[in-house]
């Protein structure tokens, strides 16, 4: 038995066409098995701890108690704001 691994970018026109063609062509073929193994789903690209941290920081933007240690930076004078 031989195994082929093919990565298909389903966002591209060629990727969509290739996937549709292989599913249609090999659907009922004996001796050929298509195994779908998605390594990275879009929801799983980011580390869950990182996502949690970012969401917590986003919630604290409106909380003045949590913002008291934040440093405000003037985008027109970036280097001067960092002193």
PDB file of N, CA and C in Angstrom:
ATOM      1  N   UNK A   1       0.840  -1.165   0.000  1.00  0.00           N
ATOM      2  CA  UNK A   1       0.000   0.000   0.000  1.00  0.00           C
ATOM      3  C   UNK A   1       0.894   1.240   0.000  1.00  0.00           C
ATOM      4  N   UNK A   2       0.504   2.237  -0.760  1.00  0.00           N
ATOM      5  CA  UNK A   2       1.230   3.490  -0.850  1.00  0.00           C
ATOM      6  C   UNK A   2       0.336   4.612  -0.338  1.00  0.00           C
ATOM      7  N   UNK A   3       0.921   5.547   0.398  1.00  0.00           N
ATOM      8  CA  UNK A   3       0.169   6.681   0.936  1.00  0.00           C
ATOM      9  C   UNK A   3       0.701   7.963   0.338  1.00  0.00           C
ATOM     10  N   UNK A   4      -0.198   8.788  -0.158  1.00  0.00           N
ATOM     11  CA  UNK A   4       0.149  10.113  -0.660  1.00  0.00           C
ATOM     12  C   UNK A   4      -0.441  11.147   0.292  1.00  0.00           C
ATOM     13  N   UNK A   5       0.332  12.160   0.597  1.00  0.00           N
ATOM     14  CA  UNK A   5      -0.175  13.269   1.398  1.00  0.00           C
ATOM     15  C   UNK A   5      -0.147  14.513   0.528  1.00  0.00           C
ATOM     16  N   UNK A   6      -1.278  15.131   0.367  1.00  0.00           N
ATOM     17  CA  UNK A   6      -1.391  16.318  -0.473  1.00  0.00           C
ATOM     18  C   UNK A   6      -2.007  17.425   0.359  1.00  0.00           C
ATOM     19  N   UNK A   7      -1.346  18.568   0.405  1.00  0.00           N
ATOM     20  CA  UNK A   7      -1.913  19.724   1.101  1.00  0.00           C
ATOM     21  C   UNK A   7      -2.649  20.565   0.070  1.00  0.00           C
ATOM     22  N   UNK A   8      -3.892  20.869   0.363  1.00  0.00           N
ATOM     23  CA  UNK A   8      -4.722  21.641  -0.554  1.00  0.00           C
ATOM     24  C   UNK A   8      -5.167  22.912   0.149  1.00  0.00           C
ATOM     25  N   UNK A   9      -4.891  24.048  -0.464  1.00  0.00           N
ATOM     26  CA  UNK A   9      -5.387  25.314   0.056  1.00  0.00           C
ATOM     27  C   UNK A   9      -6.775  25.527  -0.523  1.00  0.00           C
ATOM     28  N   UNK A  10      -7.778  25.270   0.286  1.00  0.00           N
ATOM     29  CA  UNK A  10      -9.158  25.323  -0.188  1.00  0.00           C
ATOM     30  C   UNK A  10      -9.658  26.743  -0.413  1.00  0.00           C
ATOM     31  N   UNK A  11      -8.839  27.728  -0.109  1.00  0.00           N
ATOM     32  CA  UNK A  11      -9.225  29.120  -0.352  1.00  0.00           C
ATOM     33  C   UNK A  11      -8.943  29.548  -1.797  1.00  0.00           C
ATOM     34  N   UNK A  12      -8.104  28.762  -2.479  1.00  0.00           N
ATOM     35  CA  UNK A  12      -7.753  29.129  -3.853  1.00  0.00           C
ATOM     36  C   UNK A  12      -8.667  28.428  -4.848  1.00  0.00           C
ATOM     37  N   UNK A  13      -8.720  28.990  -6.017  1.00  0.00           N
ATOM     38  CA  UNK A  13      -9.535  28.415  -7.088  1.00  0.00           C
ATOM     39  C   UNK A  13      -9.038  27.023  -7.464  1.00  0.00           C
ATOM     40  N   UNK A  14      -7.722  26.881  -7.583  1.00  0.00           N
ATOM     41  CA  UNK A  14      -7.137  25.589  -7.947  1.00  0.00           C
ATOM     42  C   UNK A  14      -7.372  24.559  -6.843  1.00  0.00           C
ATOM     43  N   UNK A  15      -7.268  24.973  -5.587  1.00  0.00           N
ATOM     44  CA  UNK A  15      -7.497  24.063  -4.473  1.00  0.00           C
ATOM     45  C   UNK A  15      -8.926  23.553  -4.434  1.00  0.00           C
ATOM     46  N   UNK A  16      -9.872  24.452  -4.656  1.00  0.00           N
ATOM     47  CA  UNK A  16     -11.281  24.050  -4.686  1.00  0.00           C
ATOM     48  C   UNK A  16     -11.546  23.081  -5.837  1.00  0.00           C
ATOM     49  N   UNK A  17     -10.989  23.393  -6.991  1.00  0.00           N
ATOM     50  CA  UNK A  17     -11.196  22.549  -8.165  1.00  0.00           C
ATOM     51  C   UNK A  17     -10.560  21.171  -7.974  1.00  0.00           C
ATOM     52  N   UNK A  18      -9.345  21.140  -7.425  1.00  0.00           N
ATOM     53  CA  UNK A  18      -8.662  19.862  -7.217  1.00  0.00           C
ATOM     54  C   UNK A  18      -9.424  18.990  -6.232  1.00  0.00           C
ATOM     55  N   UNK A  19      -9.892  19.586  -5.157  1.00  0.00           N
ATOM     56  CA  UNK A  19     -10.649  18.812  -4.158  1.00  0.00           C
ATOM     57  C   UNK A  19     -11.941  18.262  -4.756  1.00  0.00           C
ATOM     58  N   UNK A  20     -12.665  19.088  -5.489  1.00  0.00           N
ATOM     59  CA  UNK A  20     -13.914  18.646  -6.115  1.00  0.00           C
ATOM     60  C   UNK A  20     -13.654  17.518  -7.110  1.00  0.00           C
ATOM     61  N   UNK A  21     -12.574  17.657  -7.882  1.00  0.00           N
ATOM     62  CA  UNK A  21     -12.248  16.633  -8.877  1.00  0.00           C
ATOM     63  C   UNK A  21     -11.900  15.305  -8.211  1.00  0.00           C
ATOM     64  N   UNK A  22     -11.069  15.346  -7.164  1.00  0.00           N
ATOM     65  CA  UNK A  22     -10.672  14.096  -6.520  1.00  0.00           C
ATOM     66  C   UNK A  22     -11.845  13.429  -5.812  1.00  0.00           C
ATOM     67  N   UNK A  23     -12.695  14.215  -5.166  1.00  0.00           N
ATOM     68  CA  UNK A  23     -13.855  13.630  -4.502  1.00  0.00           C
ATOM     69  C   UNK A  23     -14.799  12.981  -5.507  1.00  0.00           C
ATOM     70  N   UNK A  24     -14.967  13.609  -6.650  1.00  0.00           N
ATOM     71  CA  UNK A  24     -15.853  13.064  -7.679  1.00  0.00           C
ATOM     72  C   UNK A  24     -15.241  11.824  -8.326  1.00  0.00           C
ATOM     73  N   UNK A  25     -13.974  11.904  -8.664  1.00  0.00           N
ATOM     74  CA  UNK A  25     -13.316  10.828  -9.397  1.00  0.00           C
ATOM     75  C   UNK A  25     -13.112   9.576  -8.545  1.00  0.00           C
ATOM     76  N   UNK A  26     -12.733   9.755  -7.275  1.00  0.00           N
ATOM     77  CA  UNK A  26     -12.396   8.617  -6.421  1.00  0.00           C
ATOM     78  C   UNK A  26     -13.489   8.251  -5.434  1.00  0.00           C
ATOM     79  N   UNK A  27     -14.656   8.821  -5.562  1.00  0.00           N
ATOM     80  CA  UNK A  27     -15.735   8.618  -4.598  1.00  0.00           C
ATOM     81  C   UNK A  27     -16.063   7.144  -4.382  1.00  0.00           C
ATOM     82  N   UNK A  28     -16.301   6.412  -5.426  1.00  0.00           N
ATOM     83  CA  UNK A  28     -16.702   5.014  -5.308  1.00  0.00           C
ATOM     84  C   UNK A  28     -15.629   4.045  -5.795  1.00  0.00           C
ATOM     85  N   UNK A  29     -14.407   4.525  -5.918  1.00  0.00           N
ATOM     86  CA  UNK A  29     -13.330   3.659  -6.414  1.00  0.00           C
ATOM     87  C   UNK A  29     -12.903   2.672  -5.332  1.00  0.00           C
ATOM     88  N   UNK A  30     -12.805   1.402  -5.716  1.00  0.00           N
ATOM     89  CA  UNK A  30     -12.352   0.376  -4.780  1.00  0.00           C
ATOM     90  C   UNK A  30     -10.830   0.426  -4.703  1.00  0.00           C
ATOM     91  N   UNK A  31     -10.325   0.312  -3.507  1.00  0.00           N
ATOM     92  CA  UNK A  31      -8.884   0.318  -3.318  1.00  0.00           C
ATOM     93  C   UNK A  31      -8.310   1.698  -3.084  1.00  0.00           C
ATOM     94  N   UNK A  32      -9.144   2.725  -3.118  1.00  0.00           N
ATOM     95  CA  UNK A  32      -8.670   4.092  -2.860  1.00  0.00           C
ATOM     96  C   UNK A  32      -9.511   4.674  -1.734  1.00  0.00           C
ATOM     97  N   UNK A  33      -8.831   5.159  -0.752  1.00  0.00           N
ATOM     98  CA  UNK A  33      -9.513   5.739   0.402  1.00  0.00           C
ATOM     99  C   UNK A  33      -9.008   7.164   0.605  1.00  0.00           C
ATOM    100  N   UNK A  34      -9.915   8.097   0.720  1.00  0.00           N
ATOM    101  CA  UNK A  34      -9.548   9.489   0.984  1.00  0.00           C
ATOM    102  C   UNK A  34      -9.725   9.731   2.476  1.00  0.00           C
ATOM    103  N   UNK A  35      -8.627  10.099   3.132  1.00  0.00           N
ATOM    104  CA  UNK A  35      -8.650  10.381   4.565  1.00  0.00           C
ATOM    105  C   UNK A  35      -8.381  11.869   4.741  1.00  0.00           C
ATOM    106  N   UNK A  36      -9.343  12.553   5.311  1.00  0.00           N
ATOM    107  CA  UNK A  36      -9.183  13.991   5.514  1.00  0.00           C
ATOM    108  C   UNK A  36      -8.529  14.227   6.864  1.00  0.00           C
ATOM    109  N   UNK A  37      -7.428  14.933   6.847  1.00  0.00           N
ATOM    110  CA  UNK A  37      -6.685  15.237   8.065  1.00  0.00           C
ATOM    111  C   UNK A  37      -6.355  16.720   8.054  1.00  0.00           C
ATOM    112  N   UNK A  38      -7.230  17.525   8.606  1.00  0.00           N
ATOM    113  CA  UNK A  38      -6.966  18.957   8.655  1.00  0.00           C
ATOM    114  C   UNK A  38      -6.050  19.226   9.837  1.00  0.00           C
ATOM    115  N   UNK A  39      -4.852  19.680   9.529  1.00  0.00           N
ATOM    116  CA  UNK A  39      -3.880  19.942  10.583  1.00  0.00           C
ATOM    117  C   UNK A  39      -4.250  21.185  11.375  1.00  0.00           C
ATOM    118  N   UNK A  40      -4.641  22.229  10.674  1.00  0.00           N
ATOM    119  CA  UNK A  40      -4.954  23.479  11.338  1.00  0.00           C
ATOM    120  C   UNK A  40      -6.299  23.985  10.862  1.00  0.00           C
ATOM    121  N   UNK A  41      -7.240  23.995  11.745  1.00  0.00           N
ATOM    122  CA  UNK A  41      -8.498  24.637  11.428  1.00  0.00           C
ATOM    123  C   UNK A  41      -8.323  26.095  11.787  1.00  0.00           C
ATOM    124  N   UNK A  42      -9.072  26.968  11.151  1.00  0.00           N
ATOM    125  CA  UNK A  42      -8.898  28.398  11.391  1.00  0.00           C
ATOM    126  C   UNK A  42      -9.092  28.762  12.852  1.00  0.00           C
ATOM    127  N   UNK A  43      -9.971  28.055  13.546  1.00  0.00           N
ATOM    128  CA  UNK A  43     -10.216  28.354  14.948  1.00  0.00           C
ATOM    129  C   UNK A  43      -9.066  27.896  15.835  1.00  0.00           C
ATOM    130  N   UNK A  44      -8.234  26.990  15.339  1.00  0.00           N
ATOM    131  CA  UNK A  44      -7.178  26.414  16.152  1.00  0.00           C
ATOM    132  C   UNK A  44      -5.788  26.938  15.801  1.00  0.00           C
ATOM    133  N   UNK A  45      -5.720  27.986  15.010  1.00  0.00           N
ATOM    134  CA  UNK A  45      -4.419  28.507  14.597  1.00  0.00           C
ATOM    135  C   UNK A  45      -3.695  29.137  15.776  1.00  0.00           C
ATOM    136  N   UNK A  46      -4.426  29.839  16.629  1.00  0.00           N
ATOM    137  CA  UNK A  46      -3.819  30.559  17.738  1.00  0.00           C
ATOM    138  C   UNK A  46      -3.819  29.734  19.019  1.00  0.00           C
ATOM    139  N   UNK A  47      -2.822  29.979  19.834  1.00  0.00           N
ATOM    140  CA  UNK A  47      -2.707  29.339  21.135  1.00  0.00           C
ATOM    141  C   UNK A  47      -3.876  29.805  22.009  1.00  0.00           C
ATOM    142  N   UNK A  48      -4.646  28.898  22.625  1.00  0.00           N
ATOM    143  CA  UNK A  48      -5.801  29.291  23.437  1.00  0.00           C
ATOM    144  C   UNK A  48      -5.446  30.231  24.586  1.00  0.00           C
ATOM    145  N   UNK A  49      -4.262  30.073  25.171  1.00  0.00           N
ATOM    146  CA  UNK A  49      -3.841  30.973  26.247  1.00  0.00           C
ATOM    147  C   UNK A  49      -3.643  32.385  25.723  1.00  0.00           C
ATOM    148  N   UNK A  50      -3.084  32.508  24.527  1.00  0.00           N
ATOM    149  CA  UNK A  50      -2.878  33.816  23.902  1.00  0.00           C
ATOM    150  C   UNK A  50      -4.221  34.485  23.616  1.00  0.00           C
ATOM    151  N   UNK A  51      -5.166  33.724  23.090  1.00  0.00           N
ATOM    152  CA  UNK A  51      -6.497  34.259  22.792  1.00  0.00           C
ATOM    153  C   UNK A  51      -7.167  34.747  24.074  1.00  0.00           C
ATOM    154  N   UNK A  52      -7.055  33.964  25.138  1.00  0.00           N
ATOM    155  CA  UNK A  52      -7.641  34.345  26.424  1.00  0.00           C
ATOM    156  C   UNK A  52      -7.029  35.651  26.923  1.00  0.00           C
ATOM    157  N   UNK A  53      -5.704  35.772  26.822  1.00  0.00           N
ATOM    158  CA  UNK A  53      -5.017  36.977  27.270  1.00  0.00           C
ATOM    159  C   UNK A  53      -5.488  38.205  26.485  1.00  0.00           C
ATOM    160  N   UNK A  54      -5.591  38.075  25.185  1.00  0.00           N
ATOM    161  CA  UNK A  54      -6.018  39.197  24.341  1.00  0.00           C
ATOM    162  C   UNK A  54      -7.453  39.595  24.664  1.00  0.00           C
ATOM    163  N   UNK A  55      -8.338  38.633  24.847  1.00  0.00           N
ATOM    164  CA  UNK A  55      -9.727  38.941  25.173  1.00  0.00           C
ATOM    165  C   UNK A  55      -9.843  39.630  26.533  1.00  0.00           C
ATOM    166  N   UNK A  56      -9.054  39.188  27.503  1.00  0.00           N
ATOM    167  CA  UNK A  56      -9.062  39.842  28.818  1.00  0.00           C
ATOM    168  C   UNK A  56      -8.560  41.275  28.723  1.00  0.00           C
ATOM    169  N   UNK A  57      -7.524  41.511  27.939  1.00  0.00           N
ATOM    170  CA  UNK A  57      -7.012  42.875  27.771  1.00  0.00           C
ATOM    171  C   UNK A  57      -8.038  43.761  27.076  1.00  0.00           C
ATOM    172  N   UNK A  58      -8.754  43.198  26.103  1.00  0.00           N
ATOM    173  CA  UNK A  58      -9.786  43.965  25.405  1.00  0.00           C
ATOM    174  C   UNK A  58     -10.906  44.377  26.345  1.00  0.00           C
ATOM    175  N   UNK A  59     -11.247  43.508  27.291  1.00  0.00           N
ATOM    176  CA  UNK A  59     -12.297  43.828  28.260  1.00  0.00           C
ATOM    177  C   UNK A  59     -11.827  44.880  29.257  1.00  0.00           C
ATOM    178  N   UNK A  60     -10.528  44.928  29.556  1.00  0.00           N
ATOM    179  CA  UNK A  60     -10.016  45.858  30.556  1.00  0.00           C
ATOM    180  C   UNK A  60      -9.803  47.271  30.016  1.00  0.00           C
ATOM    181  N   UNK A  61      -9.990  47.488  28.728  1.00  0.00           N
ATOM    182  CA  UNK A  61      -9.785  48.817  28.153  1.00  0.00           C
ATOM    183  C   UNK A  61     -10.693  49.848  28.813  1.00  0.00           C
ATOM    184  N   UNK A  62     -11.913  49.494  29.102  1.00  0.00           N
ATOM    185  CA  UNK A  62     -12.863  50.438  29.689  1.00  0.00           C
ATOM    186  C   UNK A  62     -12.829  50.464  31.211  1.00  0.00           C
ATOM    187  N   UNK A  63     -11.997  49.647  31.839  1.00  0.00           N
ATOM    188  CA  UNK A  63     -11.909  49.589  33.297  1.00  0.00           C
ATOM    189  C   UNK A  63     -10.744  50.468  33.754  1.00  0.00           C
ATOM    190  N   UNK A  64     -11.053  51.634  34.354  1.00  0.00           N
ATOM    191  CA  UNK A  64     -10.002  52.583  34.738  1.00  0.00           C
ATOM    192  C   UNK A  64      -9.077  52.012  35.812  1.00  0.00           C
ATOM    193  N   UNK A  65      -9.567  51.139  36.665  1.00  0.00           N
ATOM    194  CA  UNK A  65      -8.726  50.539  37.706  1.00  0.00           C
ATOM    195  C   UNK A  65      -7.629  49.673  37.086  1.00  0.00           C
ATOM    196  N   UNK A  66      -7.956  48.946  36.048  1.00  0.00           N
ATOM    197  CA  UNK A  66      -6.970  48.087  35.389  1.00  0.00           C
ATOM    198  C   UNK A  66      -6.038  48.893  34.491  1.00  0.00           C
ATOM    199  N   UNK A  67      -6.470  50.094  34.083  1.00  0.00           N
ATOM    200  CA  UNK A  67      -5.659  50.912  33.177  1.00  0.00           C
ATOM    201  C   UNK A  67      -4.712  51.843  33.900  1.00  0.00           C
ATOM    202  N   UNK A  68      -4.716  51.895  35.225  1.00  0.00           N
ATOM    203  CA  UNK A  68      -3.917  52.887  35.935  1.00  0.00           C
ATOM    204  C   UNK A  68      -2.412  52.709  35.719  1.00  0.00           C
ATOM    205  N   UNK A  69      -1.965  51.504  35.407  1.00  0.00           N
ATOM    206  CA  UNK A  69      -0.533  51.266  35.171  1.00  0.00           C
ATOM    207  C   UNK A  69      -0.158  51.294  33.686  1.00  0.00           C
ATOM    208  N   UNK A  70      -1.101  51.636  32.835  1.00  0.00           N
ATOM    209  CA  UNK A  70      -0.824  51.689  31.410  1.00  0.00           C
ATOM    210  C   UNK A  70      -0.098  52.981  31.074  1.00  0.00           C
ATOM    211  N   UNK A  71       0.721  52.945  30.049  1.00  0.00           N
ATOM    212  CA  UNK A  71       1.422  54.124  29.567  1.00  0.00           C
ATOM    213  C   UNK A  71       0.775  54.558  28.265  1.00  0.00           C
ATOM    214  N   UNK A  72       0.353  55.808  28.211  1.00  0.00           N
ATOM    215  CA  UNK A  72      -0.247  56.323  26.970  1.00  0.00           C
ATOM    216  C   UNK A  72       0.848  56.825  26.058  1.00  0.00           C
ATOM    217  N   UNK A  73       0.733  56.519  24.792  1.00  0.00           N
ATOM    218  CA  UNK A  73       1.741  56.887  23.805  1.00  0.00           C
ATOM    219  C   UNK A  73       1.112  57.812  22.776  1.00  0.00           C
ATOM    220  N   UNK A  74       1.785  58.914  22.509  1.00  0.00           N
ATOM    221  CA  UNK A  74       1.342  59.862  21.491  1.00  0.00           C
ATOM    222  C   UNK A  74       1.872  59.366  20.145  1.00  0.00           C
ATOM    223  N   UNK A  75       1.001  58.995  19.206  1.00  0.00           N
ATOM    224  CA  UNK A  75       1.490  58.460  17.929  1.00  0.00           C
ATOM    225  C   UNK A  75       2.262  59.484  17.095  1.00  0.00           C
ATOM    226  N   UNK A  76       2.088  60.770  17.385  1.00  0.00           N
ATOM    227  CA  UNK A  76       2.833  61.793  16.639  1.00  0.00           C
ATOM    228  C   UNK A  76       4.233  61.990  17.200  1.00  0.00           C
ATOM    229  N   UNK A  77       4.464  61.594  18.445  1.00  0.00           N
ATOM    230  CA  UNK A  77       5.774  61.704  19.078  1.00  0.00           C
ATOM    231  C   UNK A  77       6.069  60.398  19.805  1.00  0.00           C
ATOM    232  N   UNK A  78       6.258  59.345  19.053  1.00  0.00           N
ATOM    233  CA  UNK A  78       6.428  58.021  19.620  1.00  0.00           C
ATOM    234  C   UNK A  78       7.606  57.952  20.583  1.00  0.00           C
ATOM    235  N   UNK A  79       8.799  58.385  20.160  1.00  0.00           N
ATOM    236  CA  UNK A  79       9.986  58.264  20.994  1.00  0.00           C
ATOM    237  C   UNK A  79       9.895  59.168  22.215  1.00  0.00           C
ATOM    238  N   UNK A  80       9.304  60.332  22.073  1.00  0.00           N
ATOM    239  CA  UNK A  80       9.136  61.225  23.219  1.00  0.00           C
ATOM    240  C   UNK A  80       8.160  60.664  24.238  1.00  0.00           C
ATOM    241  N   UNK A  81       7.172  59.920  23.816  1.00  0.00           N
ATOM    242  CA  UNK A  81       6.172  59.337  24.714  1.00  0.00           C
ATOM    243  C   UNK A  81       6.739  58.197  25.531  1.00  0.00           C
ATOM    244  N   UNK A  82       7.797  57.581  25.074  1.00  0.00           N
ATOM    245  CA  UNK A  82       8.327  56.408  25.746  1.00  0.00           C
ATOM    246  C   UNK A  82       9.282  56.762  26.894  1.00  0.00           C
ATOM    247  N   UNK A  83       9.598  58.041  27.084  1.00  0.00           N
ATOM    248  CA  UNK A  83      10.515  58.450  28.160  1.00  0.00           C
ATOM    249  C   UNK A  83       9.895  58.265  29.510  1.00  0.00           C
TER     250      UNK A  83
END
